[in-house]
Amino acid sequence: MQIVRAKYENEIFYGDLHEGKVTRYDGSPFVVWENTEEVYDLEEIELLAPVLPSKVVAIAKNYAKHAAEMGLPEYSENMPENPIIFIKPSTSVIGSGQNIKYPTIGEHVDIEAELALVISKVSKNIDKNNWMDHVLGITIANDLSERVLQGKTGHFTRAKGFDTFCPLGPYIQTEFVDSPELQIKSYVNGDLKQDGNTRDMMFKIGEILEFISSIMTLLPGDVILTGTPEGVSKVERGDEIKIEIDTLGTQINTVE
């Protein structure tokens, strides 16, 4: 199933996207939902971020080549003992098709295409071997980052926490495998910038979820970003960003 969150005549609902049409459901995939049998063409509705999480928990430098391009080449041979995590606020989340707002104090904003996980239920102390039992599905994320501020502060909250700095979607794919090998590509104004594969993640999905959930309780709808491959690219106002991940569709946003 491809779960979307959509708006029609000022009503927001979850639905199932299939062959270019959306079947409306009442309720939520995180609690109880029922098929209304109402069907809309995509042109009739506005697709929103497929979920509104209480928090977005992200992994930094989870691909060795990306770590190297960020000035940490030793990661390829000596990875850290645990994942490096940070949180993006829920207010950073937008959907595919919505505009990214370039910060007024911004000087250098990069895009980071990532595979994201959507948590299905209240989860604490997840066993890495049973992580699939805690995930509703997977989707596309863009972890936008203001590099000048990141360099000044040495941490990620301000640099990555701006409003609109976490586009998600267009949908949540509920069919996935234990060890996904998905191609991740990002484009700026049609030019290919990133071309990586999730097989190259240093910390695998089960390890990520086990570590994060040992620290904090994950709630239904929370989103986990799993890191970005090399090739992160600077963007400016007016640029179009397109991200593609196998089976997850295409996310398109414009910077304003």
C-alpha atoms as a PDB file:
ATOM      1  CA  MET A   1       0.000   0.000   0.000  1.00  0.00           C
ATOM      2  CA  GLN A   2       1.070   3.579  -0.701  1.00  0.00           C
ATOM      3  CA  ILE A   3      -0.314   5.739   2.097  1.00  0.00           C
ATOM      4  CA  VAL A   4      -0.850   9.435   1.447  1.00  0.00           C
ATOM      5  CA  ARG A   5      -2.192  12.296   3.498  1.00  0.00           C
ATOM      6  CA  ALA A   6      -4.296  14.670   1.461  1.00  0.00           C
ATOM      7  CA  LYS A   7      -6.575  17.686   1.549  1.00  0.00           C
ATOM      8  CA  TYR A   8      -9.910  18.008  -0.239  1.00  0.00           C
ATOM      9  CA  GLU A   9     -12.259  20.962   0.299  1.00  0.00           C
ATOM     10  CA  ASN A  10     -10.553  21.889   3.597  1.00  0.00           C
ATOM     11  CA  GLU A  11     -10.755  18.311   4.904  1.00  0.00           C
ATOM     12  CA  ILE A  12      -7.535  16.404   5.630  1.00  0.00           C
ATOM     13  CA  PHE A  13      -7.514  12.628   5.454  1.00  0.00           C
ATOM     14  CA  TYR A  14      -5.339   9.569   4.875  1.00  0.00           C
ATOM     15  CA  GLY A  15      -5.732   7.500   1.755  1.00  0.00           C
ATOM     16  CA  ASP A  16      -4.344   4.749  -0.457  1.00  0.00           C
ATOM     17  CA  LEU A  17      -2.651   5.840  -3.684  1.00  0.00           C
ATOM     18  CA  HIS A  18      -3.077   3.332  -6.489  1.00  0.00           C
ATOM     19  CA  GLU A  19      -2.660   3.866 -10.228  1.00  0.00           C
ATOM     20  CA  GLY A  20      -2.960   7.631  -9.972  1.00  0.00           C
ATOM     21  CA  LYS A  21      -6.099   7.650  -7.807  1.00  0.00           C
ATOM     22  CA  VAL A  22      -6.544   8.046  -4.046  1.00  0.00           C
ATOM     23  CA  THR A  23      -9.073   6.040  -2.054  1.00  0.00           C
ATOM     24  CA  ARG A  24     -10.101   7.950   1.054  1.00  0.00           C
ATOM     25  CA  TYR A  25      -9.962   6.336   4.503  1.00  0.00           C
ATOM     26  CA  ASP A  26     -11.519   7.537   7.738  1.00  0.00           C
ATOM     27  CA  GLY A  27      -9.263   7.499  10.773  1.00  0.00           C
ATOM     28  CA  SER A  28      -5.527   6.909  10.821  1.00  0.00           C
ATOM     29  CA  PRO A  29      -3.196   4.041   9.867  1.00  0.00           C
ATOM     30  CA  PHE A  30      -1.703   4.387  13.360  1.00  0.00           C
ATOM     31  CA  VAL A  31      -4.962   3.607  15.177  1.00  0.00           C
ATOM     32  CA  VAL A  32      -8.039   2.450  13.264  1.00  0.00           C
ATOM     33  CA  TRP A  33      -9.023   3.394   9.747  1.00  0.00           C
ATOM     34  CA  GLU A  34     -11.773   2.333   7.374  1.00  0.00           C
ATOM     35  CA  ASN A  35     -12.142   2.479   3.619  1.00  0.00           C
ATOM     36  CA  THR A  36     -14.844   4.995   2.661  1.00  0.00           C
ATOM     37  CA  GLU A  37     -14.775   3.847  -0.989  1.00  0.00           C
ATOM     38  CA  GLU A  38     -14.547   7.525  -1.998  1.00  0.00           C
ATOM     39  CA  VAL A  39     -11.995   7.845  -4.800  1.00  0.00           C
ATOM     40  CA  TYR A  40     -10.294  11.028  -6.038  1.00  0.00           C
ATOM     41  CA  ASP A  41      -8.112  11.841  -9.005  1.00  0.00           C
ATOM     42  CA  LEU A  42      -4.774  13.350  -7.988  1.00  0.00           C
ATOM     43  CA  GLU A  43      -5.790  16.579  -9.719  1.00  0.00           C
ATOM     44  CA  GLU A  44      -8.722  16.963  -7.315  1.00  0.00           C
ATOM     45  CA  ILE A  45      -6.708  16.875  -4.103  1.00  0.00           C
ATOM     46  CA  GLU A  46      -3.601  18.398  -2.530  1.00  0.00           C
ATOM     47  CA  LEU A  47      -1.034  15.909  -1.303  1.00  0.00           C
ATOM     48  CA  LEU A  48       0.470  16.886   2.061  1.00  0.00           C
ATOM     49  CA  ALA A  49       3.366  15.475   4.059  1.00  0.00           C
ATOM     50  CA  PRO A  50       2.347  11.810   4.453  1.00  0.00           C
ATOM     51  CA  VAL A  51       2.687  12.048   8.252  1.00  0.00           C
ATOM     52  CA  LEU A  52       3.033  14.706  10.946  1.00  0.00           C
ATOM     53  CA  PRO A  53       5.505  13.239  13.467  1.00  0.00           C
ATOM     54  CA  SER A  54       5.973  14.268  17.081  1.00  0.00           C
ATOM     55  CA  LYS A  55       9.686  14.261  16.266  1.00  0.00           C
ATOM     56  CA  VAL A  56      12.119  13.477  13.468  1.00  0.00           C
ATOM     57  CA  VAL A  57      15.218  11.628  14.654  1.00  0.00           C
ATOM     58  CA  ALA A  58      18.098  11.669  12.187  1.00  0.00           C
ATOM     59  CA  ILE A  59      21.429   9.893  11.788  1.00  0.00           C
ATOM     60  CA  ALA A  60      24.505  11.928  10.869  1.00  0.00           C
ATOM     61  CA  LYS A  61      27.284  10.647   8.609  1.00  0.00           C
ATOM     62  CA  ASN A  62      25.937   7.144   8.090  1.00  0.00           C
ATOM     63  CA  TYR A  63      27.614   6.744   4.681  1.00  0.00           C
ATOM     64  CA  ALA A  64      31.423   6.639   4.687  1.00  0.00           C
ATOM     65  CA  LYS A  65      31.803   8.618   1.456  1.00  0.00           C
ATOM     66  CA  HIS A  66      29.523  11.367   2.745  1.00  0.00           C
ATOM     67  CA  ALA A  67      31.529  11.505   5.972  1.00  0.00           C
ATOM     68  CA  ALA A  68      34.664  11.876   3.861  1.00  0.00           C
ATOM     69  CA  GLU A  69      33.216  14.758   1.820  1.00  0.00           C
ATOM     70  CA  MET A  70      32.353  16.441   5.138  1.00  0.00           C
ATOM     71  CA  GLY A  71      36.003  16.197   6.221  1.00  0.00           C
ATOM     72  CA  LEU A  72      35.931  12.923   8.169  1.00  0.00           C
ATOM     73  CA  PRO A  73      37.696  10.347   5.935  1.00  0.00           C
ATOM     74  CA  GLU A  74      38.539   8.098   8.904  1.00  0.00           C
ATOM     75  CA  TYR A  75      34.904   6.921   9.049  1.00  0.00           C
ATOM     76  CA  SER A  76      35.570   4.486   6.220  1.00  0.00           C
ATOM     77  CA  GLU A  77      37.917   2.443   8.424  1.00  0.00           C
ATOM     78  CA  ASN A  78      37.018   3.469  11.961  1.00  0.00           C
ATOM     79  CA  MET A  79      33.288   4.071  12.300  1.00  0.00           C
ATOM     80  CA  PRO A  80      31.969   5.369  15.640  1.00  0.00           C
ATOM     81  CA  GLU A  81      30.746   2.921  18.261  1.00  0.00           C
ATOM     82  CA  ASN A  82      27.190   4.245  18.061  1.00  0.00           C
ATOM     83  CA  PRO A  83      25.175   6.242  15.535  1.00  0.00           C
ATOM     84  CA  ILE A  84      25.363  10.023  15.830  1.00  0.00           C
ATOM     85  CA  ILE A  85      21.797  11.258  16.259  1.00  0.00           C
ATOM     86  CA  PHE A  86      20.021  14.610  16.243  1.00  0.00           C
ATOM     87  CA  ILE A  87      16.404  15.779  16.200  1.00  0.00           C
ATOM     88  CA  LYS A  88      14.607  17.938  13.669  1.00  0.00           C
ATOM     89  CA  PRO A  89      11.419  19.617  14.947  1.00  0.00           C
ATOM     90  CA  SER A  90       8.004  18.640  13.640  1.00  0.00           C
ATOM     91  CA  THR A  91       7.684  22.174  12.226  1.00  0.00           C
ATOM     92  CA  SER A  92      10.449  21.387   9.727  1.00  0.00           C
ATOM     93  CA  VAL A  93       8.167  18.881   7.951  1.00  0.00           C
ATOM     94  CA  ILE A  94       6.491  19.715   4.636  1.00  0.00           C
ATOM     95  CA  GLY A  95       5.206  17.612   1.762  1.00  0.00           C
ATOM     96  CA  SER A  96       6.377  17.056  -1.779  1.00  0.00           C
ATOM     97  CA  GLY A  97       5.239  19.987  -3.898  1.00  0.00           C
ATOM     98  CA  GLN A  98       5.442  22.512  -1.074  1.00  0.00           C
ATOM     99  CA  ASN A  99       8.073  25.243  -1.126  1.00  0.00           C
ATOM    100  CA  ILE A 100      11.250  25.226   0.960  1.00  0.00           C
ATOM    101  CA  LYS A 101      11.856  28.597   2.601  1.00  0.00           C
ATOM    102  CA  TYR A 102      15.457  29.762   2.365  1.00  0.00           C
ATOM    103  CA  PRO A 103      16.388  31.179   5.802  1.00  0.00           C
ATOM    104  CA  THR A 104      16.864  34.943   5.963  1.00  0.00           C
ATOM    105  CA  ILE A 105      20.200  34.305   7.724  1.00  0.00           C
ATOM    106  CA  GLY A 106      21.121  31.492   5.340  1.00  0.00           C
ATOM    107  CA  GLU A 107      24.404  31.522   3.417  1.00  0.00           C
ATOM    108  CA  HIS A 108      24.951  27.929   2.279  1.00  0.00           C
ATOM    109  CA  VAL A 109      22.064  25.439   2.256  1.00  0.00           C
ATOM    110  CA  ASP A 110      22.679  21.840   1.188  1.00  0.00           C
ATOM    111  CA  ILE A 111      20.226  19.111   0.287  1.00  0.00           C
ATOM    112  CA  GLU A 112      20.573  15.579   1.671  1.00  0.00           C
ATOM    113  CA  ALA A 113      18.450  12.835   0.106  1.00  0.00           C
ATOM    114  CA  GLU A 114      17.600  10.076   2.593  1.00  0.00           C
ATOM    115  CA  LEU A 115      15.537   6.979   3.206  1.00  0.00           C
ATOM    116  CA  ALA A 116      13.085   7.618   6.062  1.00  0.00           C
ATOM    117  CA  LEU A 117      11.233   5.193   8.323  1.00  0.00           C
ATOM    118  CA  VAL A 118       7.772   5.849   9.770  1.00  0.00           C
ATOM    119  CA  ILE A 119       7.146   4.290  13.190  1.00  0.00           C
ATOM    120  CA  SER A 120       3.891   2.320  13.530  1.00  0.00           C
ATOM    121  CA  LYS A 121       3.373   2.053  17.301  1.00  0.00           C
ATOM    122  CA  VAL A 122       4.716   3.106  20.693  1.00  0.00           C
ATOM    123  CA  SER A 123       8.207   1.604  20.669  1.00  0.00           C
ATOM    124  CA  LYS A 124      10.877   1.320  23.347  1.00  0.00           C
ATOM    125  CA  ASN A 125      13.975  -0.901  23.384  1.00  0.00           C
ATOM    126  CA  ILE A 126      13.456  -2.291  19.903  1.00  0.00           C
ATOM    127  CA  ASP A 127      15.334  -5.513  19.122  1.00  0.00           C
ATOM    128  CA  LYS A 128      17.407  -4.904  15.996  1.00  0.00           C
ATOM    129  CA  ASN A 129      16.329  -8.277  14.623  1.00  0.00           C
ATOM    130  CA  ASN A 130      12.623  -7.394  14.878  1.00  0.00           C
ATOM    131  CA  TRP A 131      12.681  -3.796  13.700  1.00  0.00           C
ATOM    132  CA  MET A 132      10.114  -4.413  10.943  1.00  0.00           C
ATOM    133  CA  ASP A 133       7.463  -5.007  13.614  1.00  0.00           C
ATOM    134  CA  HIS A 134       7.753  -1.334  14.617  1.00  0.00           C
ATOM    135  CA  VAL A 135       7.730   0.348  11.192  1.00  0.00           C
ATOM    136  CA  LEU A 136       4.614   1.255   9.225  1.00  0.00           C
ATOM    137  CA  GLY A 137       6.571   1.973   6.072  1.00  0.00           C
ATOM    138  CA  ILE A 138       9.311   3.894   4.320  1.00  0.00           C
ATOM    139  CA  THR A 139       9.380   7.186   2.454  1.00  0.00           C
ATOM    140  CA  ILE A 140      11.666   9.848   0.961  1.00  0.00           C
ATOM    141  CA  ALA A 141      13.191  12.608   3.094  1.00  0.00           C
ATOM    142  CA  ASN A 142      15.348  15.654   2.421  1.00  0.00           C
ATOM    143  CA  ASP A 143      17.482  16.695   5.404  1.00  0.00           C
ATOM    144  CA  LEU A 144      18.221  20.299   4.435  1.00  0.00           C
ATOM    145  CA  SER A 145      21.190  21.807   6.277  1.00  0.00           C
ATOM    146  CA  GLU A 146      22.632  25.311   6.647  1.00  0.00           C
ATOM    147  CA  ARG A 147      26.375  24.564   6.603  1.00  0.00           C
ATOM    148  CA  VAL A 148      27.716  27.933   7.819  1.00  0.00           C
ATOM    149  CA  LEU A 149      25.631  27.751  10.978  1.00  0.00           C
ATOM    150  CA  GLN A 150      26.505  24.083  11.389  1.00  0.00           C
ATOM    151  CA  GLY A 151      30.182  24.981  11.285  1.00  0.00           C
ATOM    152  CA  LYS A 152      29.802  27.847  13.737  1.00  0.00           C
ATOM    153  CA  THR A 153      27.906  25.947  16.408  1.00  0.00           C
ATOM    154  CA  GLY A 154      29.339  22.457  16.054  1.00  0.00           C
ATOM    155  CA  HIS A 155      25.894  20.919  16.462  1.00  0.00           C
ATOM    156  CA  PHE A 156      22.907  20.410  14.194  1.00  0.00           C
ATOM    157  CA  THR A 157      19.778  21.815  15.823  1.00  0.00           C
ATOM    158  CA  ARG A 158      19.799  25.323  14.373  1.00  0.00           C
ATOM    159  CA  ALA A 159      21.410  24.356  11.074  1.00  0.00           C
ATOM    160  CA  LYS A 160      18.892  21.624  10.324  1.00  0.00           C
ATOM    161  CA  GLY A 161      15.843  22.760  12.271  1.00  0.00           C
ATOM    162  CA  PHE A 162      14.467  25.606  10.149  1.00  0.00           C
ATOM    163  CA  ASP A 163      10.816  25.528   9.110  1.00  0.00           C
ATOM    164  CA  THR A 164      10.394  23.525   5.845  1.00  0.00           C
ATOM    165  CA  PHE A 165      13.821  21.847   6.239  1.00  0.00           C
ATOM    166  CA  CYS A 166      12.392  18.300   6.193  1.00  0.00           C
ATOM    167  CA  PRO A 167      10.323  17.511   3.097  1.00  0.00           C
ATOM    168  CA  LEU A 168       8.740  14.039   3.314  1.00  0.00           C
ATOM    169  CA  GLY A 169       6.870  11.907   0.788  1.00  0.00           C
ATOM    170  CA  PRO A 170       5.077  11.823  -1.523  1.00  0.00           C
ATOM    171  CA  TYR A 171       3.795   8.615   0.129  1.00  0.00           C
ATOM    172  CA  ILE A 172       4.588   5.923   2.690  1.00  0.00           C
ATOM    173  CA  GLN A 173       5.347   2.553   1.093  1.00  0.00           C
ATOM    174  CA  THR A 174       4.170  -0.193   3.465  1.00  0.00           C
ATOM    175  CA  GLU A 175       5.920  -3.011   1.593  1.00  0.00           C
ATOM    176  CA  PHE A 176       9.620  -3.247   2.447  1.00  0.00           C
ATOM    177  CA  VAL A 177      12.307  -5.814   3.228  1.00  0.00           C
ATOM    178  CA  ASP A 178      14.677  -6.383   6.135  1.00  0.00           C
ATOM    179  CA  SER A 179      17.811  -5.288   4.261  1.00  0.00           C
ATOM    180  CA  PRO A 180      16.694  -2.845   1.574  1.00  0.00           C
ATOM    181  CA  GLU A 181      19.027  -2.059  -1.306  1.00  0.00           C
ATOM    182  CA  LEU A 182      17.421   1.050  -2.738  1.00  0.00           C
ATOM    183  CA  GLN A 183      18.993   3.519  -5.126  1.00  0.00           C
ATOM    184  CA  ILE A 184      18.866   7.119  -3.889  1.00  0.00           C
ATOM    185  CA  LYS A 185      19.199   9.943  -6.412  1.00  0.00           C
ATOM    186  CA  SER A 186      18.911  13.697  -6.032  1.00  0.00           C
ATOM    187  CA  TYR A 187      18.797  16.370  -8.708  1.00  0.00           C
ATOM    188  CA  VAL A 188      19.064  20.157  -8.640  1.00  0.00           C
ATOM    189  CA  ASN A 189      17.472  21.829 -11.668  1.00  0.00           C
ATOM    190  CA  GLY A 190      17.697  18.490 -13.482  1.00  0.00           C
ATOM    191  CA  ASP A 191      21.393  17.901 -12.765  1.00  0.00           C
ATOM    192  CA  LEU A 192      22.185  14.643 -10.953  1.00  0.00           C
ATOM    193  CA  LYS A 193      23.940  15.332  -7.632  1.00  0.00           C
ATOM    194  CA  GLN A 194      23.613  12.180  -5.510  1.00  0.00           C
ATOM    195  CA  ASP A 195      23.537   8.581  -6.694  1.00  0.00           C
ATOM    196  CA  GLY A 196      23.939   6.148  -3.802  1.00  0.00           C
ATOM    197  CA  ASN A 197      22.414   2.991  -2.389  1.00  0.00           C
ATOM    198  CA  THR A 198      21.072   2.123   1.044  1.00  0.00           C
ATOM    199  CA  ARG A 199      23.263  -0.993   1.078  1.00  0.00           C
ATOM    200  CA  ASP A 200      26.161   1.353   1.911  1.00  0.00           C
ATOM    201  CA  MET A 201      24.743   2.522   5.236  1.00  0.00           C
ATOM    202  CA  MET A 202      27.314   1.897   7.978  1.00  0.00           C
ATOM    203  CA  PHE A 203      24.689   1.431  10.697  1.00  0.00           C
ATOM    204  CA  LYS A 204      21.858  -0.711   9.373  1.00  0.00           C
ATOM    205  CA  ILE A 205      18.201  -0.020  10.062  1.00  0.00           C
ATOM    206  CA  GLY A 206      17.854  -2.486  12.934  1.00  0.00           C
ATOM    207  CA  GLU A 207      20.933  -1.079  14.667  1.00  0.00           C
ATOM    208  CA  ILE A 208      19.642   2.469  14.246  1.00  0.00           C
ATOM    209  CA  LEU A 209      16.234   1.699  15.727  1.00  0.00           C
ATOM    210  CA  GLU A 210      17.673  -0.354  18.573  1.00  0.00           C
ATOM    211  CA  PHE A 211      19.999   2.504  19.541  1.00  0.00           C
ATOM    212  CA  ILE A 212      17.472   5.336  19.273  1.00  0.00           C
ATOM    213  CA  SER A 213      14.730   3.458  21.121  1.00  0.00           C
ATOM    214  CA  SER A 214      17.132   2.639  23.964  1.00  0.00           C
ATOM    215  CA  ILE A 215      17.280   6.405  24.582  1.00  0.00           C
ATOM    216  CA  MET A 216      13.795   7.682  23.816  1.00  0.00           C
ATOM    217  CA  THR A 217      10.338   6.256  23.282  1.00  0.00           C
ATOM    218  CA  LEU A 218       9.233   6.427  19.669  1.00  0.00           C
ATOM    219  CA  LEU A 219       5.591   7.278  19.031  1.00  0.00           C
ATOM    220  CA  PRO A 220       3.288   6.317  16.166  1.00  0.00           C
ATOM    221  CA  GLY A 221       4.107   8.528  13.193  1.00  0.00           C
ATOM    222  CA  ASP A 222       7.598   9.465  14.354  1.00  0.00           C
ATOM    223  CA  VAL A 223      10.112   9.595  11.507  1.00  0.00           C
ATOM    224  CA  ILE A 224      13.674   8.275  11.441  1.00  0.00           C
ATOM    225  CA  LEU A 225      16.141   9.582   8.840  1.00  0.00           C
ATOM    226  CA  THR A 226      18.858   7.049   8.028  1.00  0.00           C
ATOM    227  CA  GLY A 227      21.605   9.261   6.585  1.00  0.00           C
ATOM    228  CA  THR A 228      22.596  10.516   3.158  1.00  0.00           C
ATOM    229  CA  PRO A 229      25.064   9.267   0.522  1.00  0.00           C
ATOM    230  CA  GLU A 230      27.802  11.451  -0.921  1.00  0.00           C
ATOM    231  CA  GLY A 231      27.150  14.284  -3.344  1.00  0.00           C
ATOM    232  CA  VAL A 232      25.219  16.698  -1.120  1.00  0.00           C
ATOM    233  CA  SER A 233      24.643  19.867  -3.084  1.00  0.00           C
ATOM    234  CA  LYS A 234      24.216  23.563  -2.410  1.00  0.00           C
ATOM    235  CA  VAL A 235      20.914  25.135  -3.450  1.00  0.00           C
ATOM    236  CA  GLU A 236      19.733  28.691  -3.983  1.00  0.00           C
ATOM    237  CA  ARG A 237      16.371  30.445  -4.137  1.00  0.00           C
ATOM    238  CA  GLY A 238      14.484  29.377  -7.243  1.00  0.00           C
ATOM    239  CA  ASP A 239      16.131  25.942  -7.506  1.00  0.00           C
ATOM    240  CA  GLU A 240      14.044  22.829  -8.047  1.00  0.00           C
ATOM    241  CA  ILE A 241      15.042  19.787  -6.002  1.00  0.00           C
ATOM    242  CA  LYS A 242      14.000  16.318  -7.126  1.00  0.00           C
ATOM    243  CA  ILE A 243      14.703  13.174  -5.100  1.00  0.00           C
ATOM    244  CA  GLU A 244      14.026   9.629  -6.265  1.00  0.00           C
ATOM    245  CA  ILE A 245      14.291   6.391  -4.280  1.00  0.00           C
ATOM    246  CA  ASP A 246      13.433   2.981  -5.718  1.00  0.00           C
ATOM    247  CA  THR A 247       9.725   2.093  -5.164  1.00  0.00           C
ATOM    248  CA  LEU A 248       9.105   5.363  -3.275  1.00  0.00           C
ATOM    249  CA  GLY A 249       8.296   7.691  -6.140  1.00  0.00           C
ATOM    250  CA  THR A 250       9.619  11.196  -6.696  1.00  0.00           C
ATOM    251  CA  GLN A 251       9.738  14.120  -4.273  1.00  0.00           C
ATOM    252  CA  ILE A 252       9.856  17.596  -5.844  1.00  0.00           C
ATOM    253  CA  ASN A 253      10.250  20.887  -3.971  1.00  0.00           C
ATOM    254  CA  THR A 254      11.237  24.408  -4.994  1.00  0.00           C
ATOM    255  CA  VAL A 255      13.346  26.737  -2.877  1.00  0.00           C
ATOM    256  CA  GLU A 256      11.866  30.181  -2.310  1.00  0.00           C
END
